[in-house]
Amino acid sequence: LGPAAASASRTAVLLATAVPFVVAAVFLFYRFLPNRRVRSAEVLPAAFLAGVTAELVRSAYAAVLPCLALPRSHRPYYVSVSFALLAYVEAFVLLGGAFLASARDRRRAAAGGG
């Protein structure tokens, strides 16, 4: 294997191991964080979608990060600023997944089912 193939296989292995862990973590948040009883079947699709999307966002962010020129504009704080930007974007992904996970409750409330 050449260096490019080795790098591609390493990236594939990292993503193949990271995605299930991220999906599991998001699932646990969506399952146990609400202040009510939530069935696993209600939140698993949203957790899967949010976890995969979070990994895609993280990969896209890593690709775009060199173009942002944060070391030039934020000097000694560029690492903190880059982490805060990633956390900001990832928070929207997680909130979007939580919104999807609560869709059934919102439909029930709109129908007058309480």
C-alpha atoms as a PDB file:
ATOM      1  CA  LEU A   1       0.000   0.000   0.000  1.00  0.00           C
ATOM      2  CA  GLY A   2       1.141   3.472  -0.805  1.00  0.00           C
ATOM      3  CA  PRO A   3       1.012   6.407   1.586  1.00  0.00           C
ATOM      4  CA  ALA A   4      -2.276   7.677   0.138  1.00  0.00           C
ATOM      5  CA  ALA A   5      -3.963   4.291   0.509  1.00  0.00           C
ATOM      6  CA  ALA A   6      -2.648   3.913   4.041  1.00  0.00           C
ATOM      7  CA  SER A   7      -3.975   7.356   4.946  1.00  0.00           C
ATOM      8  CA  ALA A   8      -7.356   6.619   3.377  1.00  0.00           C
ATOM      9  CA  SER A   9      -7.636   3.283   5.183  1.00  0.00           C
ATOM     10  CA  ARG A  10      -6.651   4.905   8.495  1.00  0.00           C
ATOM     11  CA  THR A  11      -9.315   7.571   7.990  1.00  0.00           C
ATOM     12  CA  ALA A  12     -11.915   4.931   7.135  1.00  0.00           C
ATOM     13  CA  VAL A  13     -11.085   2.927  10.265  1.00  0.00           C
ATOM     14  CA  LEU A  14     -11.253   6.036  12.447  1.00  0.00           C
ATOM     15  CA  LEU A  15     -14.634   7.015  11.031  1.00  0.00           C
ATOM     16  CA  ALA A  16     -15.932   3.453  11.309  1.00  0.00           C
ATOM     17  CA  THR A  17     -15.098   3.430  15.009  1.00  0.00           C
ATOM     18  CA  ALA A  18     -16.007   7.047  15.796  1.00  0.00           C
ATOM     19  CA  VAL A  19     -19.474   7.089  14.236  1.00  0.00           C
ATOM     20  CA  PRO A  20     -20.948   4.303  16.422  1.00  0.00           C
ATOM     21  CA  PHE A  21     -19.567   5.952  19.562  1.00  0.00           C
ATOM     22  CA  VAL A  22     -20.962   9.361  18.596  1.00  0.00           C
ATOM     23  CA  VAL A  23     -24.339   7.857  17.711  1.00  0.00           C
ATOM     24  CA  ALA A  24     -24.389   5.997  21.049  1.00  0.00           C
ATOM     25  CA  ALA A  25     -23.496   9.156  22.991  1.00  0.00           C
ATOM     26  CA  VAL A  26     -26.161  11.213  21.224  1.00  0.00           C
ATOM     27  CA  PHE A  27     -28.680   8.418  21.775  1.00  0.00           C
ATOM     28  CA  LEU A  28     -27.928   8.396  25.512  1.00  0.00           C
ATOM     29  CA  PHE A  29     -28.385  12.173  25.653  1.00  0.00           C
ATOM     30  CA  TYR A  30     -31.709  12.029  23.829  1.00  0.00           C
ATOM     31  CA  ARG A  31     -32.888   8.998  25.801  1.00  0.00           C
ATOM     32  CA  PHE A  32     -32.028   9.964  29.375  1.00  0.00           C
ATOM     33  CA  LEU A  33     -31.752  13.763  29.415  1.00  0.00           C
ATOM     34  CA  PRO A  34     -35.423  14.710  28.915  1.00  0.00           C
ATOM     35  CA  ASN A  35     -37.458  15.230  32.047  1.00  0.00           C
ATOM     36  CA  ARG A  36     -39.950  12.535  31.080  1.00  0.00           C
ATOM     37  CA  ARG A  37     -40.032   8.901  30.057  1.00  0.00           C
ATOM     38  CA  VAL A  38     -38.776   8.445  26.498  1.00  0.00           C
ATOM     39  CA  ARG A  39     -38.896   5.218  24.522  1.00  0.00           C
ATOM     40  CA  SER A  40     -35.713   4.206  22.761  1.00  0.00           C
ATOM     41  CA  ALA A  41     -37.544   3.699  19.475  1.00  0.00           C
ATOM     42  CA  GLU A  42     -38.626   7.354  19.539  1.00  0.00           C
ATOM     43  CA  VAL A  43     -35.119   8.771  19.713  1.00  0.00           C
ATOM     44  CA  LEU A  44     -32.942   6.206  17.938  1.00  0.00           C
ATOM     45  CA  PRO A  45     -33.571   7.483  14.373  1.00  0.00           C
ATOM     46  CA  ALA A  46     -32.896  11.085  15.389  1.00  0.00           C
ATOM     47  CA  ALA A  47     -29.800  10.042  17.351  1.00  0.00           C
ATOM     48  CA  PHE A  48     -28.475   8.121  14.357  1.00  0.00           C
ATOM     49  CA  LEU A  49     -29.066  11.051  12.016  1.00  0.00           C
ATOM     50  CA  ALA A  50     -27.564  13.569  14.446  1.00  0.00           C
ATOM     51  CA  GLY A  51     -24.538  11.373  15.158  1.00  0.00           C
ATOM     52  CA  VAL A  52     -23.731  10.794  11.502  1.00  0.00           C
ATOM     53  CA  THR A  53     -24.318  14.459  10.706  1.00  0.00           C
ATOM     54  CA  ALA A  54     -22.062  15.491  13.607  1.00  0.00           C
ATOM     55  CA  GLU A  55     -19.253  13.351  12.204  1.00  0.00           C
ATOM     56  CA  LEU A  56     -19.758  14.791   8.733  1.00  0.00           C
ATOM     57  CA  VAL A  57     -19.700  18.324  10.161  1.00  0.00           C
ATOM     58  CA  ARG A  58     -16.537  17.529  12.110  1.00  0.00           C
ATOM     59  CA  SER A  59     -14.835  16.172   8.974  1.00  0.00           C
ATOM     60  CA  ALA A  60     -15.915  19.182   6.912  1.00  0.00           C
ATOM     61  CA  TYR A  61     -14.726  21.520   9.674  1.00  0.00           C
ATOM     62  CA  ALA A  62     -11.322  19.823   9.729  1.00  0.00           C
ATOM     63  CA  ALA A  63     -11.057  20.309   5.971  1.00  0.00           C
ATOM     64  CA  VAL A  64     -12.082  23.986   6.116  1.00  0.00           C
ATOM     65  CA  LEU A  65     -10.091  24.920   9.238  1.00  0.00           C
ATOM     66  CA  PRO A  66      -6.795  25.709   7.434  1.00  0.00           C
ATOM     67  CA  CYS A  67      -8.643  28.161   5.173  1.00  0.00           C
ATOM     68  CA  LEU A  68      -9.955  30.163   8.134  1.00  0.00           C
ATOM     69  CA  ALA A  69      -6.508  31.559   8.999  1.00  0.00           C
ATOM     70  CA  LEU A  70      -7.297  31.590  12.704  1.00  0.00           C
ATOM     71  CA  PRO A  71      -3.633  31.699  13.839  1.00  0.00           C
ATOM     72  CA  ARG A  72      -3.184  34.947  11.925  1.00  0.00           C
ATOM     73  CA  SER A  73      -6.327  36.627  13.227  1.00  0.00           C
ATOM     74  CA  HIS A  74      -6.512  35.296  16.797  1.00  0.00           C
ATOM     75  CA  ARG A  75      -2.817  34.821  17.519  1.00  0.00           C
ATOM     76  CA  PRO A  76      -2.333  32.894  20.798  1.00  0.00           C
ATOM     77  CA  TYR A  77      -6.023  31.989  21.155  1.00  0.00           C
ATOM     78  CA  TYR A  78      -6.610  30.325  17.800  1.00  0.00           C
ATOM     79  CA  VAL A  79      -6.898  26.837  19.320  1.00  0.00           C
ATOM     80  CA  SER A  80      -9.569  27.989  21.773  1.00  0.00           C
ATOM     81  CA  VAL A  81     -11.399  29.922  19.070  1.00  0.00           C
ATOM     82  CA  SER A  82     -11.343  26.962  16.682  1.00  0.00           C
ATOM     83  CA  PHE A  83     -12.721  24.668  19.389  1.00  0.00           C
ATOM     84  CA  ALA A  84     -15.451  27.192  20.262  1.00  0.00           C
ATOM     85  CA  LEU A  85     -16.448  27.447  16.598  1.00  0.00           C
ATOM     86  CA  LEU A  86     -16.669  23.674  16.289  1.00  0.00           C
ATOM     87  CA  ALA A  87     -18.700  23.418  19.499  1.00  0.00           C
ATOM     88  CA  TYR A  88     -21.048  26.135  18.222  1.00  0.00           C
ATOM     89  CA  VAL A  89     -21.714  24.331  14.942  1.00  0.00           C
ATOM     90  CA  GLU A  90     -22.012  20.905  16.600  1.00  0.00           C
ATOM     91  CA  ALA A  91     -24.518  22.311  19.103  1.00  0.00           C
ATOM     92  CA  PHE A  92     -26.821  23.205  16.227  1.00  0.00           C
ATOM     93  CA  VAL A  93     -26.566  19.654  14.898  1.00  0.00           C
ATOM     94  CA  LEU A  94     -27.451  18.214  18.313  1.00  0.00           C
ATOM     95  CA  LEU A  95     -30.309  20.658  18.794  1.00  0.00           C
ATOM     96  CA  GLY A  96     -31.651  19.789  15.360  1.00  0.00           C
ATOM     97  CA  GLY A  97     -31.583  16.110  16.277  1.00  0.00           C
ATOM     98  CA  ALA A  98     -33.373  16.827  19.551  1.00  0.00           C
ATOM     99  CA  PHE A  99     -36.006  18.739  17.596  1.00  0.00           C
ATOM    100  CA  LEU A 100     -36.505  15.699  15.360  1.00  0.00           C
ATOM    101  CA  ALA A 101     -36.626  13.384  18.379  1.00  0.00           C
ATOM    102  CA  SER A 102     -39.443  15.433  19.891  1.00  0.00           C
ATOM    103  CA  ALA A 103     -41.528  15.490  16.696  1.00  0.00           C
ATOM    104  CA  ARG A 104     -43.986  12.881  17.945  1.00  0.00           C
ATOM    105  CA  ASP A 105     -44.738  14.862  21.109  1.00  0.00           C
ATOM    106  CA  ARG A 106     -45.231  18.043  19.112  1.00  0.00           C
ATOM    107  CA  ARG A 107     -47.649  16.308  16.730  1.00  0.00           C
ATOM    108  CA  ARG A 108     -49.583  14.855  19.661  1.00  0.00           C
ATOM    109  CA  ALA A 109     -49.789  18.250  21.361  1.00  0.00           C
ATOM    110  CA  ALA A 110     -50.943  19.907  18.130  1.00  0.00           C
ATOM    111  CA  ALA A 111     -53.686  17.309  17.742  1.00  0.00           C
ATOM    112  CA  GLY A 112     -54.904  18.042  21.261  1.00  0.00           C
ATOM    113  CA  GLY A 113     -53.746  14.731  22.698  1.00  0.00           C
ATOM    114  CA  GLY A 114     -51.852  16.445  25.481  1.00  0.00           C
END
